[in-house]
Amino acid sequence: MHSSYYHLGDGLYAERFGLGFEHLSAGQRFVHRPGITFSQQDNVAEALDSINAAMVHYDDCYAGLTDWKRPLMVSTLTLQRLIGMTSKTFGRRRRIVSMSNIALTRPMFGGDTLYVETEVLATEPVDAHLGRASLLTRGYNQRGEQVAELRYVAELWHGAAGPDVIAGASASDEARFLSHAAREDGAWVEQTGLFFEDLRQGETFIHSPRKTLLAEESTLHALRAMEWQPQSHDHACAQALGLAAPVVPQTWGIGVAVALSTRTFGRVTVNLGWTDVEFGADLMPGDTLEARSTVEGTRLSGSRPDQGVVTVLTEARNQRGEMINRYRRALMVYRRGSNPYARAGY
């Protein structure tokens, strides 16, 4: 199976997720991970944000008098996650061409967890850059019951095409970087990060995808963190300081940089803390962050034999190459062997 890492030089790797069209063939089955547990708050937000007047989604008293007995999850939320949860395999999708059938076969409620699997039904080339794949995606709850089925056609970039191509880069053929693992029944299970043994001192990983910070989300995160300093949400105050808009909270900038690293560090059990935190240029709405991390050291845990401790230096820069923040972290990471992945269907 394809690699999720591209080798850029001595000890330097770039994450790049999603299979090129040429890696797909009829009959392949993909098990997407991770799953997502739905909450009633997700349900309310989806319904109200989309002006959904079906009160069965957010009026518990009303829903209790229906056949469902409790608020029913918004079907379009399930649909969005059916597609979104396939992105590690189909992250090179350009667009969805058509959907021939969307079937909801069992209700979803707050507290249910959605898992997704996809079968490739057929493939056909479009041109030298694109191909089309006919896909059958199924959703299952935590009890293994099918809750949804989606048949659709998607256009996908070839591996050497698309806006995310890195000039001169080639996929690494190291086994630790494989994007999927073969299951006994022939299905391909998406991988969730590197084990402790796969993280080597001196190696640097450029994380993908990047993230653009929006003004609305920055203000919302400031308010929810009780960061009520006016420069984080008051436009008049920001302008008086000579800023075009309120600044993004520095702690939210750290939060985004950490999150961007979780594809490589997807097997971390706990973040033990930060040291040597530095801030550079102000992070402003509209800026795009890219993070990269260098493994500075590894050691086995003295108290947890199934884990090791990894010291990492992470630096985030904006689209102009200006350093936004830099910090070190100590991470506990699962080792190969005794860990919860297989038991959880990962």
Protein backbone atom coordinates (compact mmCIF):
# COMPACT_ATOMS: atom_id res chain seq x y z
CA MET A 1 0.00 0.00 0.00
CA HIS A 2 0.97 3.61 -0.53
CA SER A 3 3.21 5.62 1.81
CA SER A 4 1.96 8.66 3.75
CA TYR A 5 5.42 10.25 3.79
CA TYR A 6 7.64 11.78 1.15
CA HIS A 7 11.41 11.77 1.51
CA LEU A 8 12.81 15.26 0.94
CA GLY A 9 16.37 14.76 2.10
CA ASP A 10 18.54 13.37 4.85
CA GLY A 11 16.19 12.81 7.79
CA LEU A 12 13.51 15.14 6.35
CA TYR A 13 10.01 13.86 5.55
CA ALA A 14 6.73 15.49 4.51
CA GLU A 15 3.29 14.13 5.32
CA ARG A 16 0.98 13.74 2.35
CA PHE A 17 -2.26 11.86 2.84
CA GLY A 18 -4.58 10.31 0.29
CA LEU A 19 -4.01 7.69 -2.39
CA GLY A 20 -3.38 8.74 -5.96
CA PHE A 21 -5.93 7.53 -8.50
CA GLU A 22 -3.43 4.99 -9.83
CA HIS A 23 -3.40 3.22 -6.45
CA LEU A 24 -7.13 2.41 -6.64
CA SER A 25 -8.64 -0.66 -8.27
CA ALA A 26 -12.02 -2.36 -8.29
CA GLY A 27 -12.57 -4.71 -5.36
CA GLN A 28 -10.39 -2.85 -2.83
CA ARG A 29 -11.94 -2.35 0.60
CA PHE A 30 -10.79 0.35 2.99
CA VAL A 31 -11.46 0.57 6.72
CA HIS A 32 -11.32 4.24 7.71
CA ARG A 33 -10.08 5.33 11.11
CA PRO A 34 -10.64 7.00 13.50
CA GLY A 35 -14.34 6.82 14.31
CA ILE A 36 -16.35 9.76 15.64
CA THR A 37 -18.75 9.69 18.59
CA PHE A 38 -21.79 11.91 18.06
CA SER A 39 -23.17 14.12 20.83
CA GLN A 40 -26.49 15.88 21.29
CA GLN A 41 -24.58 19.16 21.21
CA ASP A 42 -23.32 18.23 17.71
CA ASN A 43 -26.93 17.53 16.79
CA VAL A 44 -28.24 20.87 18.05
CA ALA A 45 -25.44 22.86 16.43
CA GLU A 46 -25.92 21.16 13.05
CA ALA A 47 -29.69 21.70 13.12
CA LEU A 48 -29.62 25.32 14.25
CA ASP A 49 -26.67 26.36 12.06
CA SER A 50 -28.50 25.04 8.99
CA ILE A 51 -31.91 26.48 10.06
CA ASN A 52 -33.39 22.99 10.40
CA ALA A 53 -36.96 23.27 11.72
CA ALA A 54 -37.40 19.55 12.43
CA MET A 55 -37.69 19.71 16.22
CA VAL A 56 -37.08 15.97 16.61
CA HIS A 57 -33.38 16.88 16.53
CA TYR A 58 -33.32 19.28 19.49
CA ASP A 59 -36.58 19.15 21.47
CA ASP A 60 -36.18 16.25 23.87
CA CYS A 61 -39.75 16.47 25.17
CA TYR A 62 -41.18 16.32 21.66
CA ALA A 63 -38.77 13.59 20.56
CA GLY A 64 -39.83 11.51 23.59
CA LEU A 65 -43.36 11.34 22.17
CA THR A 66 -42.18 10.05 18.78
CA ASP A 67 -41.18 6.53 17.75
CA TRP A 68 -37.52 7.48 18.39
CA LYS A 69 -38.07 8.39 22.10
CA ARG A 70 -35.07 10.74 22.04
CA PRO A 71 -33.55 13.34 19.69
CA LEU A 72 -32.65 11.84 16.33
CA MET A 73 -29.29 12.77 14.81
CA VAL A 74 -29.52 15.11 11.80
CA SER A 75 -29.12 12.95 8.70
CA THR A 76 -26.96 15.53 6.91
CA LEU A 77 -24.46 15.40 9.79
CA THR A 78 -24.09 11.66 9.21
CA LEU A 79 -23.70 12.31 5.47
CA GLN A 80 -20.97 14.91 5.97
CA ARG A 81 -19.02 12.62 8.27
CA LEU A 82 -19.40 9.64 5.97
CA ILE A 83 -17.43 11.63 3.39
CA GLY A 84 -15.11 13.45 5.78
CA MET A 85 -14.00 10.30 7.57
CA THR A 86 -12.68 8.82 4.31
CA SER A 87 -10.15 11.62 3.80
CA LYS A 88 -7.03 9.69 4.82
CA THR A 89 -7.61 7.32 1.89
CA PHE A 90 -9.39 9.69 -0.50
CA GLY A 91 -7.69 12.92 0.55
CA ARG A 92 -6.60 13.49 -3.05
CA ARG A 93 -10.22 13.85 -4.11
CA ARG A 94 -10.80 16.85 -6.39
CA ARG A 95 -14.59 16.73 -6.27
CA ILE A 96 -17.61 14.48 -5.98
CA VAL A 97 -19.21 14.05 -9.40
CA SER A 98 -22.50 12.49 -8.34
CA MET A 99 -24.28 10.51 -5.64
CA SER A 100 -26.64 7.85 -6.96
CA ASN A 101 -27.99 6.76 -3.58
CA ILE A 102 -27.84 7.92 0.05
CA ALA A 103 -29.52 5.37 2.32
CA LEU A 104 -29.96 5.77 6.09
CA THR A 105 -30.64 2.26 7.32
CA ARG A 106 -30.62 2.74 11.10
CA PRO A 107 -31.03 5.81 13.35
CA MET A 108 -28.10 7.54 15.05
CA PHE A 109 -28.39 9.16 18.48
CA GLY A 110 -26.15 11.18 20.76
CA GLY A 111 -23.56 8.83 22.23
CA ASP A 112 -23.39 6.62 19.13
CA THR A 113 -20.03 6.23 17.39
CA LEU A 114 -19.77 6.20 13.61
CA TYR A 115 -17.23 4.02 11.79
CA VAL A 116 -16.83 4.06 8.01
CA GLU A 117 -15.70 1.58 5.36
CA THR A 118 -15.47 1.96 1.58
CA GLU A 119 -15.39 -0.45 -1.36
CA VAL A 120 -14.04 0.59 -4.75
CA LEU A 121 -16.59 -0.55 -7.35
CA ALA A 122 -14.90 0.67 -10.54
CA THR A 123 -12.25 3.09 -11.82
CA GLU A 124 -11.77 4.93 -15.10
CA PRO A 125 -9.14 7.47 -16.21
CA VAL A 126 -10.23 11.00 -17.12
CA ASP A 127 -6.93 12.41 -18.36
CA ALA A 128 -3.25 12.43 -17.41
CA HIS A 129 -4.05 14.18 -14.13
CA LEU A 130 -7.41 12.84 -12.99
CA GLY A 131 -9.40 9.63 -12.71
CA ARG A 132 -12.89 8.70 -11.57
CA ALA A 133 -13.71 6.09 -8.95
CA SER A 134 -17.14 4.62 -8.25
CA LEU A 135 -17.32 4.11 -4.50
CA LEU A 136 -19.62 2.41 -2.00
CA THR A 137 -19.21 3.85 1.51
CA ARG A 138 -20.96 2.27 4.48
CA GLY A 139 -21.36 3.59 8.01
CA TYR A 140 -21.55 1.39 11.12
CA ASN A 141 -22.26 2.16 14.76
CA GLN A 142 -20.24 0.93 17.74
CA ARG A 143 -22.23 -2.32 17.76
CA GLY A 144 -21.28 -3.11 14.17
CA GLU A 145 -24.80 -2.36 12.86
CA GLN A 146 -24.95 -0.68 9.45
CA VAL A 147 -26.49 2.79 9.75
CA ALA A 148 -25.89 4.27 6.29
CA GLU A 149 -24.87 3.46 2.73
CA LEU A 150 -23.66 5.91 0.10
CA ARG A 151 -22.95 5.24 -3.58
CA TYR A 152 -21.09 7.97 -5.39
CA VAL A 153 -18.52 8.85 -8.05
CA ALA A 154 -15.46 10.95 -7.19
CA GLU A 155 -12.66 12.51 -9.21
CA LEU A 156 -9.20 11.98 -7.74
CA TRP A 157 -5.80 13.36 -8.66
CA HIS A 158 -3.04 11.06 -9.81
CA GLY A 159 -0.15 10.79 -7.37
CA ALA A 160 2.04 13.11 -9.43
CA ALA A 161 -0.69 15.71 -10.02
CA GLY A 162 -2.77 18.10 -7.98
CA PRO A 163 -2.11 21.27 -5.98
CA ASP A 164 -0.24 19.49 -3.17
CA VAL A 165 2.54 18.02 -5.33
CA ILE A 166 6.01 18.56 -3.88
CA ALA A 167 8.50 19.08 -6.68
CA GLY A 168 11.26 16.48 -6.68
CA ALA A 169 9.78 14.48 -3.80
CA SER A 170 9.33 10.73 -3.89
CA ALA A 171 7.27 8.55 -1.59
CA SER A 172 9.30 6.77 1.08
CA ASP A 173 9.21 2.98 0.79
CA GLU A 174 9.88 2.38 4.49
CA ALA A 175 7.38 0.01 6.10
CA ARG A 176 6.87 2.33 9.09
CA PHE A 177 5.34 4.94 6.76
CA LEU A 178 2.74 2.75 5.05
CA SER A 179 -0.63 4.47 4.90
CA HIS A 180 -2.65 1.28 5.45
CA ALA A 181 -2.22 -2.12 7.06
CA ALA A 182 -3.55 -5.32 5.51
CA ARG A 183 -6.28 -7.04 7.52
CA GLU A 184 -6.73 -10.81 7.44
CA ASP A 185 -9.91 -10.53 5.36
CA GLY A 186 -8.12 -8.50 2.67
CA ALA A 187 -9.34 -5.07 3.71
CA TRP A 188 -6.91 -2.17 4.13
CA VAL A 189 -7.04 -0.42 7.51
CA GLU A 190 -5.89 3.20 7.73
CA GLN A 191 -2.93 3.80 10.02
CA THR A 192 -3.08 6.35 12.83
CA GLY A 193 0.51 7.50 13.37
CA LEU A 194 4.01 6.26 14.13
CA PHE A 195 4.88 3.93 17.00
CA PHE A 196 7.62 4.78 19.49
CA GLU A 197 10.09 2.54 17.65
CA ASP A 198 9.37 4.41 14.39
CA LEU A 199 10.36 7.83 15.76
CA ARG A 200 14.09 8.36 15.36
CA GLN A 201 16.30 11.05 16.81
CA GLY A 202 17.21 13.79 14.35
CA GLU A 203 14.37 13.18 11.91
CA THR A 204 12.10 16.10 10.94
CA PHE A 205 8.50 15.83 9.77
CA ILE A 206 6.69 18.56 7.84
CA HIS A 207 3.07 18.19 8.87
CA SER A 208 0.09 18.20 6.54
CA PRO A 209 -2.47 19.58 6.06
CA ARG A 210 -1.82 23.21 6.90
CA LYS A 211 -4.56 25.30 8.52
CA THR A 212 -5.80 28.81 7.74
CA LEU A 213 -7.01 30.70 10.83
CA LEU A 214 -10.37 32.42 10.41
CA ALA A 215 -11.41 35.57 12.25
CA GLU A 216 -14.65 34.08 13.56
CA GLU A 217 -13.07 30.93 15.00
CA SER A 218 -10.25 32.94 16.57
CA THR A 219 -12.70 35.25 18.35
CA LEU A 220 -14.82 32.30 19.45
CA HIS A 221 -11.81 30.47 20.90
CA ALA A 222 -10.73 33.63 22.73
CA LEU A 223 -14.16 34.12 24.28
CA ARG A 224 -14.55 30.46 25.25
CA ALA A 225 -11.12 30.55 26.91
CA MET A 226 -12.22 33.65 28.87
CA GLU A 227 -9.48 35.55 27.06
CA TRP A 228 -11.41 38.80 27.12
CA GLN A 229 -8.52 41.14 26.39
CA PRO A 230 -10.04 43.51 23.80
CA GLN A 231 -7.27 43.02 21.25
CA SER A 232 -8.52 39.43 20.75
CA HIS A 233 -12.11 40.33 19.85
CA ASP A 234 -12.66 44.12 19.71
CA HIS A 235 -12.11 45.44 16.17
CA ALA A 236 -12.04 49.09 17.26
CA CYS A 237 -9.37 48.32 19.85
CA ALA A 238 -7.32 46.37 17.30
CA GLN A 239 -7.47 49.26 14.84
CA ALA A 240 -6.39 51.70 17.57
CA LEU A 241 -3.32 49.49 18.03
CA GLY A 242 -2.61 49.70 14.30
CA LEU A 243 -3.84 46.16 13.56
CA ALA A 244 -6.08 45.25 10.66
CA ALA A 245 -8.13 42.91 12.86
CA PRO A 246 -8.09 41.36 16.35
CA VAL A 247 -5.07 39.12 16.87
CA VAL A 248 -5.40 35.36 17.17
CA PRO A 249 -4.80 34.26 20.80
CA GLN A 250 -1.28 32.91 21.15
CA THR A 251 -2.57 29.87 23.02
CA TRP A 252 -4.91 29.06 20.12
CA GLY A 253 -1.88 29.29 17.83
CA ILE A 254 -0.15 26.67 19.99
CA GLY A 255 -3.30 24.57 19.94
CA VAL A 256 -3.40 24.59 16.15
CA ALA A 257 0.31 23.82 15.82
CA VAL A 258 -0.03 20.86 18.18
CA ALA A 259 -3.08 19.57 16.33
CA LEU A 260 -1.30 19.76 12.98
CA SER A 261 1.31 17.32 14.32
CA THR A 262 -1.19 14.62 15.31
CA ARG A 263 -0.97 12.70 12.05
CA THR A 264 2.65 11.72 12.73
CA PHE A 265 2.14 11.66 16.50
CA GLY A 266 -1.18 9.82 16.30
CA ARG A 267 -0.04 7.13 18.74
CA VAL A 268 0.71 9.56 21.58
CA THR A 269 -0.96 8.54 24.84
CA VAL A 270 -0.40 11.82 26.68
CA ASN A 271 1.35 15.16 26.30
CA LEU A 272 3.58 15.58 29.38
CA GLY A 273 4.02 19.32 28.85
CA TRP A 274 5.82 22.12 27.02
CA THR A 275 9.15 23.83 27.63
CA ASP A 276 11.10 26.60 25.88
CA VAL A 277 8.00 28.17 24.35
CA GLU A 278 8.84 31.12 22.07
CA PHE A 279 6.59 33.45 20.10
CA GLY A 280 7.50 35.30 16.94
CA ALA A 281 5.25 37.27 14.59
CA ASP A 282 1.65 37.98 15.61
CA LEU A 283 -0.78 35.41 14.27
CA MET A 284 -3.53 37.21 12.36
CA PRO A 285 -6.84 36.08 10.86
CA GLY A 286 -6.21 34.83 7.34
CA ASP A 287 -2.75 33.48 8.15
CA THR A 288 -2.01 29.88 7.23
CA LEU A 289 0.04 27.80 9.65
CA GLU A 290 2.41 25.02 8.70
CA ALA A 291 4.13 23.06 11.45
CA ARG A 292 7.18 20.85 11.42
CA SER A 293 8.60 18.72 14.21
CA THR A 294 12.06 17.34 14.90
CA VAL A 295 12.56 14.32 17.15
CA GLU A 296 15.25 15.33 19.62
CA GLY A 297 15.37 12.22 21.77
CA THR A 298 13.68 8.94 22.68
CA ARG A 299 13.81 6.69 25.73
CA LEU A 300 11.80 3.83 27.14
CA SER A 301 9.38 4.66 29.93
CA GLY A 302 10.47 3.48 33.35
CA SER A 303 6.90 3.10 34.61
CA ARG A 304 4.96 2.05 31.52
CA PRO A 305 6.62 -0.82 29.62
CA ASP A 306 4.22 -0.50 26.69
CA GLN A 307 5.25 3.13 26.06
CA GLY A 308 8.26 5.34 25.46
CA VAL A 309 9.04 9.01 25.97
CA VAL A 310 9.77 11.17 22.91
CA THR A 311 11.12 14.72 23.08
CA VAL A 312 10.02 16.84 20.12
CA LEU A 313 10.79 20.38 18.93
CA THR A 314 7.89 21.83 16.93
CA GLU A 315 7.92 25.10 15.01
CA ALA A 316 4.96 26.75 13.25
CA ARG A 317 5.38 29.35 10.49
CA ASN A 318 2.90 31.41 8.50
CA GLN A 319 2.57 31.61 4.72
CA ARG A 320 5.32 34.24 4.62
CA GLY A 321 7.76 31.94 6.42
CA GLU A 322 7.66 33.96 9.65
CA MET A 323 8.02 31.98 12.88
CA ILE A 324 4.78 32.13 14.88
CA ASN A 325 5.64 29.81 17.74
CA ARG A 326 8.26 27.25 18.71
CA TYR A 327 8.30 24.83 21.65
CA ARG A 328 9.50 21.50 22.98
CA ARG A 329 7.21 18.74 24.20
CA ALA A 330 7.67 15.46 26.03
CA LEU A 331 5.27 12.83 24.70
CA MET A 332 4.33 9.34 25.86
CA VAL A 333 3.98 7.13 22.77
CA TYR A 334 2.73 3.56 22.45
CA ARG A 335 5.22 0.88 21.48
CA ARG A 336 4.47 -1.93 19.07
CA GLY A 337 2.89 -4.97 20.70
CA SER A 338 0.78 -4.24 23.77
CA ASN A 339 -1.56 -1.36 22.86
CA PRO A 340 -5.31 -0.81 22.36
CA TYR A 341 -5.38 -0.45 18.56
CA ALA A 342 -6.27 -3.95 17.43
CA ARG A 343 -8.89 -4.32 20.16
CA ALA A 344 -10.49 -1.07 19.00
CA GLY A 345 -10.55 -2.10 15.35
CA TYR A 346 -7.63 0.16 14.35
